[in-house]
Amino acid sequence: MAGHSHWAGIKHKKGLADKKRGKLFGKLSRAIIVAAQAGGGDPDSNLTLRYAIDRARKASMPKDNIERAIQKGCGADGDDNFIEIVYEGYGAAGVAVLCVALTDNRNRTAGEVRKIFEVAGGNLGSTGCVSWMFELKGLFTVSKSVADEETLFELALEAGADDVQDDGEVFRVTCSVESYQGVLNALQAAEIATEVSEIAHVPQSTVDLDVSNGKKVLNLLEALEDQDDMQSVTANFNIPDEILAEVAG
């Protein structure tokens, strides 16, 4: 299992989102507010908002919270002014790390992110230093226990996916951003549950990690995820299956 799907899969197994549900809801609300501000409150005509709402529902965010965030983004109850900032840097063994934050205080967030990198033995880089290694794509992972490869391959490609790969314990489906909703709809219609379903920065190549560096990278990613303004974190690493349990345990 490699790259973004690797980190997403580890988060799924460790239940990190459940442990920090209050903070997660705050981040999901922020994404909905920004999407509604930019493109209006109708998810049928605002695909960014639809995606933000889907993420919130997948995390079991209450309907009232979602509706309040949409209303706030459309001008009710305040005038939050969040901006999206991409942070790029390096972790142990030269692993490239790409983070996307929504913040109302650029200086505060930059200082906190820089400190997280330093404490974890990495360093925050300049704009563009690692982003060229990643491609924005729709990403799904499906447990091998809920679908066979041939069925999933035919279904996904017919719905517009680019590829289906065997990725250890799961199948990894990738598609263009434009095809994301169609692939998601097809999987849902076929009642094929996904462990991960998101639009993500997918690395084009990966760095293999041993136990020591693997633990350092996972600690860095978990600390970045825990930062209040952070929306997504990804890195171009691979941990061989035979040492994954020791690293992620």
Protein backbone atom coordinates (compact mmCIF):
# COMPACT_ATOMS: atom_id res chain seq x y z
CA MET A 1 0.00 0.00 0.00
CA ALA A 2 1.60 3.26 -1.05
CA GLY A 3 1.38 7.02 -0.80
CA HIS A 4 -1.85 8.76 0.10
CA SER A 5 -3.94 5.59 0.17
CA HIS A 6 -1.39 4.18 2.61
CA TRP A 7 -1.80 7.04 5.10
CA ALA A 8 -5.57 7.10 4.59
CA GLY A 9 -5.73 3.37 5.25
CA ILE A 10 -3.68 3.66 8.42
CA LYS A 11 -5.97 6.44 9.68
CA HIS A 12 -8.99 4.23 8.93
CA LYS A 13 -7.55 1.33 10.95
CA LYS A 14 -6.44 3.46 13.89
CA GLY A 15 -9.76 5.31 14.04
CA LEU A 16 -8.04 8.69 14.33
CA ALA A 17 -11.10 10.56 13.09
CA ASP A 18 -13.32 8.98 15.74
CA LYS A 19 -10.87 9.91 18.50
CA LYS A 20 -10.93 13.55 17.46
CA ARG A 21 -14.50 13.90 16.23
CA GLY A 22 -15.12 17.38 17.65
CA LYS A 23 -12.06 18.79 15.89
CA LEU A 24 -12.95 16.88 12.71
CA PHE A 25 -16.44 18.40 12.62
CA GLY A 26 -14.92 21.87 12.93
CA LYS A 27 -12.67 21.23 9.95
CA LEU A 28 -15.52 19.78 7.88
CA SER A 29 -17.70 22.79 8.72
CA ARG A 30 -14.94 25.11 7.56
CA ALA A 31 -14.69 23.29 4.22
CA ILE A 32 -18.47 23.58 3.72
CA ILE A 33 -18.44 27.29 4.60
CA VAL A 34 -15.64 28.03 2.11
CA ALA A 35 -17.31 25.98 -0.64
CA ALA A 36 -20.63 27.76 -0.14
CA GLN A 37 -18.92 31.17 -0.09
CA ALA A 38 -17.19 30.44 -3.39
CA GLY A 39 -19.99 28.76 -5.34
CA GLY A 40 -23.32 29.16 -3.54
CA GLY A 41 -25.37 26.91 -1.30
CA ASP A 42 -26.81 24.48 -3.88
CA PRO A 43 -24.77 21.25 -3.99
CA ASP A 44 -26.39 20.29 -7.31
CA SER A 45 -24.64 23.21 -9.00
CA ASN A 46 -21.64 23.51 -6.68
CA LEU A 47 -19.56 20.35 -6.94
CA THR A 48 -17.05 21.52 -4.34
CA LEU A 49 -19.87 21.96 -1.85
CA ARG A 50 -21.31 18.55 -2.74
CA TYR A 51 -17.93 16.94 -2.07
CA ALA A 52 -17.57 18.79 1.25
CA ILE A 53 -21.06 17.65 2.30
CA ASP A 54 -20.30 14.06 1.27
CA ARG A 55 -17.16 14.10 3.43
CA ALA A 56 -19.18 15.43 6.36
CA ARG A 57 -21.86 12.77 5.98
CA LYS A 58 -19.25 10.02 5.74
CA ALA A 59 -17.88 11.22 9.08
CA SER A 60 -21.40 11.09 10.59
CA MET A 61 -21.59 14.85 11.04
CA PRO A 62 -25.15 15.81 12.13
CA LYS A 63 -27.44 17.22 9.45
CA ASP A 64 -28.07 20.39 11.48
CA ASN A 65 -24.33 21.11 11.59
CA ILE A 66 -24.09 20.73 7.83
CA GLU A 67 -27.04 23.03 7.20
CA ARG A 68 -25.67 25.68 9.58
CA ALA A 69 -22.32 25.63 7.80
CA ILE A 70 -24.03 26.08 4.42
CA GLN A 71 -26.07 29.01 5.76
CA LYS A 72 -22.97 30.60 7.25
CA GLY A 73 -21.15 30.28 3.94
CA CYS A 74 -24.06 31.94 2.19
CA GLY A 75 -23.84 34.99 4.42
CA ALA A 76 -25.77 34.11 7.58
CA ASP A 77 -24.31 34.25 11.09
CA GLY A 78 -21.01 35.96 10.46
CA ASP A 79 -18.43 36.73 7.83
CA ASP A 80 -15.61 34.24 8.24
CA ASN A 81 -12.89 34.82 5.68
CA PHE A 82 -10.83 31.67 5.23
CA ILE A 83 -8.11 31.25 2.63
CA GLU A 84 -6.62 28.03 1.29
CA ILE A 85 -2.87 27.62 1.71
CA VAL A 86 -0.73 24.71 0.51
CA TYR A 87 2.31 23.83 2.65
CA GLU A 88 5.11 21.68 1.27
CA GLY A 89 8.02 20.05 3.04
CA TYR A 90 10.04 16.95 3.82
CA GLY A 91 9.92 14.28 6.48
CA ALA A 92 12.34 11.51 7.43
CA ALA A 93 14.24 9.84 4.57
CA GLY A 94 13.35 12.72 2.26
CA VAL A 95 9.64 11.85 2.11
CA ALA A 96 7.70 14.62 0.37
CA VAL A 97 4.77 16.01 2.39
CA LEU A 98 1.94 18.11 0.96
CA CYS A 99 -0.63 19.79 3.23
CA VAL A 100 -3.72 21.87 2.48
CA ALA A 101 -5.06 24.23 5.15
CA LEU A 102 -8.00 26.62 5.42
CA THR A 103 -7.08 29.48 7.73
CA ASP A 104 -8.14 32.96 8.75
CA ASN A 105 -4.64 33.74 10.05
CA ARG A 106 -1.84 32.94 7.61
CA ASN A 107 1.01 33.84 9.99
CA ARG A 108 -0.32 31.76 12.89
CA THR A 109 -0.86 28.67 10.75
CA ALA A 110 2.53 28.93 9.03
CA GLY A 111 4.29 29.17 12.37
CA GLU A 112 2.48 26.16 13.79
CA VAL A 113 3.08 24.03 10.68
CA ARG A 114 6.79 24.94 10.63
CA LYS A 115 7.10 23.95 14.30
CA ILE A 116 5.41 20.58 13.66
CA PHE A 117 7.89 19.77 10.88
CA GLU A 118 10.86 20.77 13.06
CA VAL A 119 9.75 18.72 16.08
CA ALA A 120 9.30 15.65 13.84
CA GLY A 121 12.76 15.99 12.33
CA GLY A 122 11.56 17.34 8.99
CA ASN A 123 11.51 20.77 7.44
CA LEU A 124 8.97 23.06 5.82
CA GLY A 125 10.00 23.89 2.27
CA SER A 126 9.26 26.62 -0.26
CA THR A 127 6.23 26.76 -2.54
CA GLY A 128 6.58 24.23 -5.36
CA CYS A 129 9.32 22.14 -3.78
CA VAL A 130 7.25 18.93 -3.71
CA SER A 131 3.88 19.68 -5.31
CA TRP A 132 5.18 18.58 -8.73
CA MET A 133 5.41 15.03 -7.31
CA PHE A 134 1.64 14.84 -6.74
CA GLU A 135 -1.45 14.79 -8.96
CA LEU A 136 -4.95 15.76 -7.82
CA LYS A 137 -7.23 12.75 -8.35
CA GLY A 138 -10.32 11.01 -7.11
CA LEU A 139 -9.24 8.17 -4.82
CA PHE A 140 -11.17 5.19 -3.45
CA THR A 141 -10.04 2.14 -1.52
CA VAL A 142 -12.23 -0.96 -1.34
CA SER A 143 -11.61 -3.87 0.99
CA LYS A 144 -11.04 -7.18 -0.77
CA SER A 145 -13.70 -8.65 1.51
CA VAL A 146 -16.51 -6.66 -0.15
CA ALA A 147 -15.68 -6.92 -3.88
CA ASP A 148 -13.65 -9.06 -6.27
CA GLU A 149 -11.15 -7.40 -8.60
CA GLU A 150 -12.89 -8.27 -11.88
CA THR A 151 -16.29 -6.93 -10.78
CA LEU A 152 -14.76 -3.78 -9.32
CA PHE A 153 -12.57 -3.23 -12.39
CA GLU A 154 -15.48 -3.42 -14.83
CA LEU A 155 -17.76 -1.26 -12.69
CA ALA A 156 -15.17 1.43 -11.97
CA LEU A 157 -13.85 1.77 -15.50
CA GLU A 158 -17.34 1.94 -16.95
CA ALA A 159 -18.08 4.77 -14.50
CA GLY A 160 -15.02 6.72 -15.64
CA ALA A 161 -12.16 5.52 -13.41
CA ASP A 162 -8.61 5.54 -14.78
CA ASP A 163 -7.25 2.52 -12.96
CA VAL A 164 -7.89 -0.20 -10.38
CA GLN A 165 -4.86 -1.63 -8.57
CA ASP A 166 -4.22 -4.35 -6.01
CA ASP A 167 -2.86 -2.44 -3.01
CA GLY A 168 -2.32 -5.07 -0.33
CA GLU A 169 -5.48 -5.54 1.75
CA VAL A 170 -7.52 -3.25 -0.50
CA PHE A 171 -8.15 -2.38 -4.13
CA ARG A 172 -7.18 1.19 -5.03
CA VAL A 173 -9.35 3.01 -7.57
CA THR A 174 -8.23 6.31 -9.09
CA CYS A 175 -10.02 8.69 -11.45
CA SER A 176 -9.95 12.28 -12.62
CA VAL A 177 -11.50 14.92 -10.37
CA GLU A 178 -14.25 15.38 -12.96
CA SER A 179 -15.13 11.66 -12.82
CA TYR A 180 -15.13 11.43 -9.01
CA GLN A 181 -18.88 11.83 -8.48
CA GLY A 182 -19.74 9.35 -11.24
CA VAL A 183 -17.45 6.68 -9.81
CA LEU A 184 -18.76 7.33 -6.30
CA ASN A 185 -22.37 7.03 -7.51
CA ALA A 186 -21.59 3.75 -9.28
CA LEU A 187 -19.96 2.23 -6.20
CA GLN A 188 -22.86 3.31 -4.00
CA ALA A 189 -25.44 1.95 -6.46
CA ALA A 190 -23.64 -1.40 -6.44
CA GLU A 191 -23.53 -1.30 -2.61
CA ILE A 192 -19.73 -1.53 -2.62
CA ALA A 193 -18.51 0.12 0.58
CA THR A 194 -15.35 2.22 0.46
CA GLU A 195 -12.83 2.69 3.26
CA VAL A 196 -11.55 5.86 1.58
CA SER A 197 -13.43 8.05 -0.89
CA GLU A 198 -11.95 11.48 -1.47
CA ILE A 199 -10.30 13.90 -3.85
CA ALA A 200 -6.63 13.75 -2.92
CA HIS A 201 -3.11 14.63 -3.97
CA VAL A 202 -1.80 11.25 -5.14
CA PRO A 203 2.00 10.82 -5.36
CA GLN A 204 3.50 9.79 -8.69
CA SER A 205 6.32 7.85 -7.00
CA THR A 206 7.07 6.67 -3.47
CA VAL A 207 9.95 6.28 -1.00
CA ASP A 208 10.28 2.90 0.79
CA LEU A 209 10.60 3.26 4.56
CA ASP A 210 12.01 1.01 7.27
CA VAL A 211 10.52 0.78 10.77
CA SER A 212 12.46 3.72 12.23
CA ASN A 213 11.74 6.19 9.44
CA GLY A 214 8.21 4.85 9.05
CA LYS A 215 7.40 5.75 12.66
CA LYS A 216 8.89 9.22 12.22
CA VAL A 217 6.84 9.90 9.09
CA LEU A 218 3.59 8.65 10.65
CA ASN A 219 4.19 10.80 13.74
CA LEU A 220 4.71 13.84 11.49
CA LEU A 221 1.56 13.17 9.47
CA GLU A 222 -0.55 12.58 12.57
CA ALA A 223 0.68 15.83 14.15
CA LEU A 224 -0.08 17.75 10.95
CA GLU A 225 -3.56 16.22 10.76
CA ASP A 226 -4.17 17.35 14.35
CA GLN A 227 -3.39 21.01 13.54
CA ASP A 228 -6.64 22.97 13.73
CA ASP A 229 -6.53 24.51 10.24
CA MET A 230 -5.40 21.43 8.33
CA GLN A 231 -7.80 19.95 5.77
CA SER A 232 -5.64 17.26 4.17
CA VAL A 233 -2.17 15.77 4.52
CA THR A 234 -0.43 13.38 2.14
CA ALA A 235 3.08 12.05 1.54
CA ASN A 236 4.92 9.89 -0.98
CA PHE A 237 5.96 6.96 1.20
CA ASN A 238 5.59 3.20 1.12
CA ILE A 239 5.90 0.82 4.05
CA PRO A 240 6.27 -2.88 3.11
CA ASP A 241 3.42 -5.03 4.39
CA GLU A 242 5.76 -7.18 6.47
CA ILE A 243 6.72 -4.23 8.69
CA LEU A 244 3.50 -2.20 8.51
CA ALA A 245 2.01 -3.64 11.71
CA GLU A 246 5.14 -2.78 13.70
CA VAL A 247 5.21 0.78 12.34
CA ALA A 248 1.51 1.60 12.71
CA GLY A 249 0.88 -0.28 15.93
